Protein backbone atom coordinates (compact mmCIF):
# COMPACT_ATOMS: atom_id res chain seq x y z
CA MET A 1 206.75 47.31 -140.81
CA GLN A 2 203.55 49.00 -139.65
CA ARG A 3 205.54 51.86 -138.09
CA ARG A 4 207.51 52.32 -141.34
CA SER A 5 204.26 52.59 -143.33
CA PHE A 6 202.82 55.02 -140.79
CA LEU A 7 205.88 57.30 -141.04
CA LYS A 8 205.72 57.17 -144.82
CA ASN A 9 202.03 58.13 -144.81
CA THR A 10 202.66 60.93 -142.31
CA ALA A 11 205.41 62.39 -144.46
CA MET A 12 203.17 62.30 -147.51
CA LEU A 13 200.37 64.10 -145.70
CA ALA A 14 202.77 66.73 -144.46
CA THR A 15 203.76 67.61 -148.03
CA LEU A 16 200.11 68.42 -148.74
CA GLY A 17 199.70 70.57 -145.64
CA LEU A 18 197.49 67.96 -144.02
CA THR A 19 197.63 66.88 -140.40
CA PRO A 20 199.27 63.64 -139.29
CA PRO A 21 196.97 61.33 -137.33
CA ILE A 22 196.46 61.93 -133.61
CA LEU A 23 196.45 58.43 -132.23
CA SER A 24 195.22 57.09 -128.94
CA SER A 25 196.92 54.09 -127.42
CA GLY A 26 196.41 51.01 -129.56
CA ALA A 27 194.69 52.86 -132.43
CA THR A 28 195.42 51.76 -135.98
CA PRO A 29 196.73 54.49 -138.30
CA PRO A 30 194.31 55.38 -141.10
CA ALA A 31 195.11 53.93 -144.51
CA ALA A 32 196.92 56.01 -147.11
CA PRO A 33 194.59 57.89 -149.48
CA GLU A 34 193.68 55.97 -152.62
CA LYS A 35 193.36 59.04 -154.85
CA LYS A 36 195.93 61.77 -155.31
CA PRO A 37 194.82 65.41 -155.34
CA PRO A 38 194.96 67.39 -158.61
CA ALA A 39 198.39 68.60 -159.66
CA ASP A 40 197.69 72.20 -158.59
CA PHE A 41 195.99 71.22 -155.32
CA ASP A 42 198.93 72.07 -153.08
CA ALA A 43 200.13 75.22 -154.81
CA LYS A 44 196.75 76.87 -155.39
CA TYR A 45 194.58 75.95 -152.42
CA VAL A 46 196.85 74.92 -149.54
CA ASN A 47 198.60 77.78 -147.72
CA HIS A 48 202.16 77.66 -146.44
CA ALA A 49 204.26 80.23 -144.61
CA GLY A 50 205.04 83.14 -146.93
CA ALA A 51 202.17 82.40 -149.31
CA PRO A 52 200.26 85.51 -150.50
CA PRO A 53 196.55 85.92 -149.62
CA GLN A 54 194.07 84.48 -152.12
CA LYS A 55 190.59 85.70 -153.06
CA HIS A 56 189.30 82.14 -153.28
CA LEU A 57 188.91 79.49 -150.56
CA THR A 58 192.19 78.17 -149.15
CA TYR A 59 193.26 75.68 -146.48
CA TYR A 60 196.03 75.85 -143.89
CA ASN A 61 196.92 73.18 -141.35
CA TYR A 62 199.10 73.39 -138.27
CA GLU A 63 199.25 70.32 -136.05
CA SER A 64 195.75 69.80 -134.60
CA GLN A 65 194.03 72.79 -136.24
CA ALA A 66 192.80 73.39 -139.78
CA TRP A 67 191.98 76.87 -141.09
CA PHE A 68 189.80 77.78 -144.07
CA ARG A 69 190.33 81.28 -145.46
CA LYS A 70 188.99 83.60 -148.16
CA ASN A 71 190.49 87.02 -148.93
CA ASN A 72 192.84 86.43 -145.98
CA ILE A 73 189.83 86.25 -143.63
CA ASN A 74 189.68 83.14 -141.45
CA LEU A 75 186.19 81.82 -142.21
CA THR A 76 186.40 78.91 -139.79
CA THR A 77 188.83 76.58 -138.04
CA TYR A 78 188.48 72.94 -137.02
CA ARG A 79 190.17 72.43 -133.64
CA ALA A 80 191.03 68.89 -132.59
CA GLY A 81 193.72 69.06 -129.90
CA VAL A 82 194.38 66.10 -127.63
CA ALA A 83 193.70 68.24 -124.52
CA GLN A 84 190.18 69.18 -125.67
CA LYS A 85 186.92 67.59 -124.60
CA TYR A 86 185.89 67.21 -128.23
CA PRO A 87 186.77 68.68 -131.65
CA TYR A 88 184.83 71.82 -132.56
CA TRP A 89 184.67 74.64 -135.12
CA TYR A 90 185.61 78.21 -134.18
CA PRO A 91 185.38 80.91 -135.44
CA LEU A 92 182.62 81.26 -138.04
CA ALA A 93 183.16 84.62 -139.71
CA GLY A 94 180.22 86.84 -140.58
CA PRO A 95 180.11 87.29 -144.37
CA ALA A 96 179.74 91.09 -144.12
CA THR A 97 181.93 91.95 -141.12
CA GLY A 98 184.40 89.10 -140.65
CA LEU A 99 183.43 89.03 -136.96
CA SER A 100 182.76 85.57 -135.57
CA LEU A 101 179.11 84.56 -135.35
CA ILE A 102 179.92 81.94 -132.71
CA ALA A 103 181.71 81.99 -129.36
CA GLU A 104 184.53 79.70 -128.29
CA SER A 105 183.77 80.39 -124.63
CA ALA A 106 181.15 82.66 -123.08
CA GLN A 107 179.26 82.98 -119.83
CA PRO A 108 177.16 81.67 -118.18
CA TRP A 109 178.41 78.32 -119.53
CA PRO A 110 181.99 78.83 -120.74
CA HIS A 111 182.53 75.18 -121.70
CA HIS A 112 180.32 75.58 -124.81
CA ARG A 113 182.52 75.60 -127.89
CA GLY A 114 181.52 77.21 -131.21
CA ILE A 115 179.92 74.57 -133.43
CA PHE A 116 179.84 71.54 -131.15
CA PHE A 117 179.06 67.83 -131.22
CA GLY A 118 178.99 65.89 -127.97
CA CYS A 119 176.71 64.38 -125.36
CA ASP A 120 176.50 63.69 -121.65
CA ARG A 121 175.32 60.51 -119.92
CA VAL A 122 176.53 58.12 -122.64
CA ASN A 123 177.19 54.71 -121.02
CA GLY A 124 177.83 56.58 -117.79
CA GLY A 125 180.39 58.91 -119.39
CA ASN A 126 180.31 62.65 -120.02
CA TYR A 127 181.34 63.58 -123.56
CA TRP A 128 180.18 67.15 -123.18
CA GLN A 129 181.87 68.83 -120.19
CA ASN A 130 183.94 68.31 -117.01
CA ALA A 131 187.25 66.44 -116.83
CA LEU A 132 188.69 64.39 -119.68
CA ALA A 133 188.67 61.43 -117.30
CA ASP A 134 184.86 61.46 -117.53
CA GLY A 135 185.00 60.95 -121.29
CA GLN A 136 186.62 62.44 -124.38
CA ILE A 137 185.94 62.55 -128.12
CA LEU A 138 189.42 62.29 -129.62
CA SER A 139 190.35 62.85 -133.26
CA GLN A 140 192.30 60.02 -134.86
CA GLY A 141 193.44 62.18 -137.77
CA PHE A 142 191.50 64.65 -139.89
CA ARG A 143 192.03 65.10 -143.61
CA LEU A 144 191.30 67.55 -146.40
CA GLU A 145 189.71 65.46 -149.15
CA SER A 146 189.25 68.13 -151.83
CA ILE A 147 189.09 71.89 -152.30
CA ASP A 148 188.47 74.41 -155.06
CA GLU A 149 187.56 78.10 -155.24
CA THR A 150 184.27 77.78 -153.36
CA HIS A 151 183.99 74.24 -151.98
CA ALA A 152 185.97 72.02 -149.60
CA ILE A 153 185.39 68.50 -148.26
CA PHE A 154 186.99 67.66 -144.92
CA THR A 155 186.82 64.41 -142.92
CA ASP A 156 187.75 63.15 -139.47
CA ARG A 157 187.49 59.95 -137.47
CA CYS A 158 187.01 60.13 -133.71
CA HIS A 159 187.00 57.75 -130.76
CA TRP A 160 184.63 58.18 -127.80
CA ASN A 161 186.34 56.78 -124.72
CA LYS A 162 187.66 57.45 -121.28
CA PRO A 163 191.47 57.74 -121.12
CA GLY A 164 193.11 54.34 -120.89
CA GLN A 165 189.91 52.49 -121.82
CA ASP A 166 188.73 51.04 -125.12
CA PRO A 167 186.44 53.27 -127.21
CA ILE A 168 182.71 52.73 -126.79
CA LEU A 169 182.03 54.09 -130.27
CA THR A 170 183.73 55.74 -133.20
CA ASP A 171 182.35 58.43 -135.44
CA GLU A 172 183.18 59.19 -139.04
CA ARG A 173 182.52 62.83 -139.92
CA ARG A 174 182.33 64.47 -143.30
CA TYR A 175 182.09 68.24 -143.53
CA GLU A 176 181.38 70.26 -146.67
CA LEU A 177 182.17 73.95 -146.63
CA ARG A 178 180.55 75.80 -149.52
CA LEU A 179 180.58 79.50 -150.37
CA LEU A 180 177.21 80.37 -151.91
CA ASP A 181 177.67 84.09 -152.54
CA GLU A 182 179.12 87.16 -150.84
CA ARG A 183 176.43 87.07 -148.15
CA ARG A 184 176.07 83.35 -147.36
CA TYR A 185 178.09 80.21 -146.84
CA ILE A 186 177.25 76.80 -145.38
CA LEU A 187 178.92 74.04 -143.39
CA ASP A 188 177.23 70.67 -143.83
CA ALA A 189 177.98 67.81 -141.45
CA THR A 190 177.36 64.10 -141.98
CA LEU A 191 178.13 62.11 -138.84
CA ASP A 192 178.19 58.30 -138.89
CA LEU A 193 178.24 56.83 -135.38
CA HIS A 194 179.48 53.24 -135.03
CA PRO A 195 178.80 51.71 -131.57
CA LEU A 196 181.51 49.28 -130.52
CA THR A 197 179.39 48.15 -127.59
CA PRO A 198 175.67 48.62 -126.80
CA ILE A 199 175.13 52.34 -126.17
CA THR A 200 172.67 53.85 -123.70
CA ILE A 201 172.00 57.60 -123.57
CA GLN A 202 170.07 58.70 -120.51
CA GLN A 203 167.90 61.81 -120.33
CA THR A 204 170.16 64.86 -120.43
CA ASN A 205 170.16 68.47 -121.58
CA HIS A 206 173.86 68.31 -122.52
CA GLY A 207 174.16 67.73 -126.29
CA LEU A 208 173.98 67.25 -129.27
CA TYR A 209 174.96 69.18 -132.46
CA GLY A 210 174.51 72.93 -132.49
CA VAL A 211 176.08 76.32 -131.95
CA ARG A 212 176.94 78.74 -129.20
CA CYS A 213 176.42 82.10 -130.89
CA ALA A 214 178.46 85.25 -130.35
CA PRO A 215 177.18 87.34 -127.41
CA ASP A 216 176.18 90.33 -129.55
CA ILE A 217 173.63 88.39 -131.61
CA SER A 218 172.18 86.42 -128.69
CA VAL A 219 168.83 87.53 -127.31
CA THR A 220 170.47 88.65 -124.09
CA GLY A 221 172.91 90.70 -126.18
CA GLY A 222 170.18 92.44 -128.18
CA GLY A 223 169.75 89.93 -131.02
CA THR A 224 166.85 87.71 -132.08
CA LEU A 225 166.29 83.96 -131.81
CA GLU A 226 163.82 82.72 -134.44
CA SER A 227 162.65 79.40 -135.90
CA ASP A 228 161.11 78.52 -139.25
CA THR A 229 157.67 78.44 -137.56
CA GLY A 230 157.94 82.19 -136.87
CA ALA A 231 158.38 81.66 -133.14
CA LYS A 232 160.84 83.98 -131.44
CA GLY A 233 162.72 83.66 -128.16
CA ALA A 234 163.67 80.58 -126.17
CA ALA A 235 160.37 80.58 -124.28
CA ASN A 236 158.55 79.89 -127.56
CA ILE A 237 161.14 77.63 -129.21
CA HIS A 238 162.57 75.41 -126.46
CA GLY A 239 160.98 71.95 -126.57
CA LYS A 240 159.23 72.64 -129.87
CA ARG A 241 159.88 71.06 -133.27
CA ALA A 242 161.34 73.17 -136.05
CA ARG A 243 163.26 72.77 -139.29
CA TRP A 244 165.75 75.45 -138.37
CA CYS A 245 166.60 77.92 -135.64
CA SER A 246 168.74 81.02 -135.94
CA PHE A 247 170.32 83.82 -133.94
CA TYR A 248 170.75 87.11 -135.77
CA GLY A 249 171.15 90.79 -135.02
CA LYS A 250 173.21 93.92 -135.53
CA ARG A 251 176.87 93.39 -134.82
CA ALA A 252 178.28 95.28 -131.84
CA GLY A 253 178.89 98.92 -132.78
CA LEU A 254 177.87 98.38 -136.40
CA ASP A 255 174.71 98.91 -138.41
CA ILE A 256 175.14 95.51 -140.07
CA THR A 257 172.89 92.50 -139.42
CA GLU A 258 174.31 88.99 -139.53
CA GLY A 259 173.20 85.60 -138.28
CA VAL A 260 173.94 81.92 -137.85
CA ALA A 261 171.41 79.12 -138.28
CA VAL A 262 171.27 75.38 -137.59
CA LEU A 263 169.16 73.27 -139.97
CA ILE A 264 168.06 69.67 -139.45
CA PRO A 265 166.31 67.37 -141.96
CA GLU A 266 163.19 65.57 -140.80
CA ASN A 267 164.20 62.10 -142.03
CA LEU A 268 166.86 61.30 -139.44
CA PRO A 269 166.33 57.88 -137.83
CA GLY A 270 164.40 57.20 -134.64
CA PRO A 271 164.01 59.99 -132.10
CA PHE A 272 166.56 62.16 -133.93
CA GLY A 273 164.15 62.94 -136.76
CA LYS A 274 161.73 65.87 -136.25
CA SER A 275 163.61 66.50 -133.03
CA ARG A 276 162.66 69.02 -130.41
CA TRP A 277 165.03 71.94 -129.87
CA PHE A 278 167.11 72.95 -126.91
CA ALA A 279 167.17 76.77 -126.97
CA ARG A 280 168.55 79.39 -124.63
CA ASP A 281 168.42 83.16 -125.07
CA TYR A 282 172.05 83.46 -123.96
CA GLY A 283 173.07 81.79 -127.23
CA ASN A 284 172.73 77.98 -127.37
CA ILE A 285 170.61 76.14 -129.94
CA SER A 286 170.63 72.42 -130.69
CA PRO A 287 168.07 69.95 -132.08
CA MET A 288 168.28 67.12 -129.56
CA PRO A 289 165.86 64.42 -128.43
CA MET A 290 167.51 63.23 -125.23
CA LEU A 291 166.17 66.00 -123.00
CA PHE A 292 162.60 65.17 -123.96
CA ILE A 293 162.60 61.39 -123.50
CA PRO A 294 161.13 59.77 -120.37
CA ARG A 295 163.70 59.09 -117.66
CA ASP A 296 162.94 55.38 -117.79
CA GLN A 297 163.18 55.15 -121.61
CA PRO A 298 166.79 55.94 -122.60
CA ILE A 299 167.96 56.07 -126.19
CA THR A 300 169.77 52.86 -127.15
CA LEU A 301 172.13 52.19 -130.05
CA PRO A 302 172.89 48.52 -130.79
CA LYS A 303 176.47 47.38 -131.25
CA GLY A 304 177.45 47.05 -134.89
CA GLU A 305 174.74 49.29 -136.33
CA THR A 306 175.41 52.74 -137.79
CA LEU A 307 173.52 55.87 -136.85
CA ARG A 308 173.77 58.67 -139.44
CA LEU A 309 173.06 62.24 -138.37
CA ARG A 310 173.08 65.27 -140.69
CA TYR A 311 173.08 68.99 -139.94
CA ARG A 312 173.64 72.22 -141.83
CA VAL A 313 175.01 75.45 -140.37
CA VAL A 314 174.46 78.66 -142.33
CA ALA A 315 176.45 81.88 -141.86
CA TYR A 316 174.66 84.81 -143.44
CA ALA A 317 174.32 88.57 -143.69
CA GLY A 318 170.85 90.07 -143.25
CA THR A 319 167.77 88.40 -141.81
CA PRO A 320 166.67 84.74 -142.07
CA LYS A 321 164.20 85.72 -144.82
CA GLU A 322 166.85 87.60 -146.77
CA ALA A 323 169.20 84.63 -146.39
CA GLY A 324 166.55 82.26 -147.79
CA LEU A 325 166.82 79.78 -144.92
CA ASP A 326 163.63 77.98 -145.96
CA GLY A 327 165.09 77.33 -149.42
CA LEU A 328 168.41 76.22 -147.95
CA TRP A 329 166.52 73.79 -145.71
CA GLU A 330 164.63 72.37 -148.72
CA ASP A 331 167.92 71.91 -150.58
CA PHE A 332 169.55 70.18 -147.60
CA ALA A 333 166.56 67.97 -146.83
CA ALA A 334 166.48 66.76 -150.44
CA LYS A 335 170.03 65.43 -150.26
CA ALA A 336 170.43 61.71 -149.58
């Protein structure tokens, strides 16, 4: 009976261009959606083969990947394949050039993936790099919740576990993609972590939520790394507190400046609020507390409690001042 319901739900999702669940062994299929999309949802906003390009925001899904387009430009894609270490976003198109502001793989650390969320040294597992046997964050089935001309809501549920073992935690993620104007758009993330067993995170520099920027806007590629405090360069930002950090610069071969920023509210719980930043001139920025905790004082998450983390990524043309990053931080921080 359960299998029959699962197949029915999968078929219904397929008609909407949504992905069927990617299930690990023993996982329960997600429940069918309670609300149906608007009548024109599929025809107007969900792309299929042969569909003409649209000037507004559209969605296209193929197996474990979900694309969001505007004017036939791929703004960003959520990638959640079963062979990946964790789901991630790549690319993130520059509003003026269409060139990606983030890298899917770049030296000197080619395992960094676009807009990432993961962590090393979690209950002895590595949910950041190395073999899948060391730990994997595996999507259980993402879903497009709603979409219109300028705004989409997208959700996923993931298990953190080593292959063949029970998950140590699950996360529920809600992403909001919003086009602000022709020079700016944002991707907001709300991440609810649900420990299924007591969680211990040891001191590590591998995590948490952030971006690996494109080589041409990194400091080593000729770009600028700046925080809201006015500090510039990793030497002046790494280990410091900031509301936002951003890489920006002229795109390779073009006289056009674009940038990508990560924003964090100050009211996150425990050590995650007012967090210090991990920053590298080669292109990695992430607000993360676990590098700056004492070795003998790990971060602990009790079983059964929920940890909510929130981040905003901004893709923009121009400089941080021209993009109004301070105002976008105020807007984000004011949200519940």
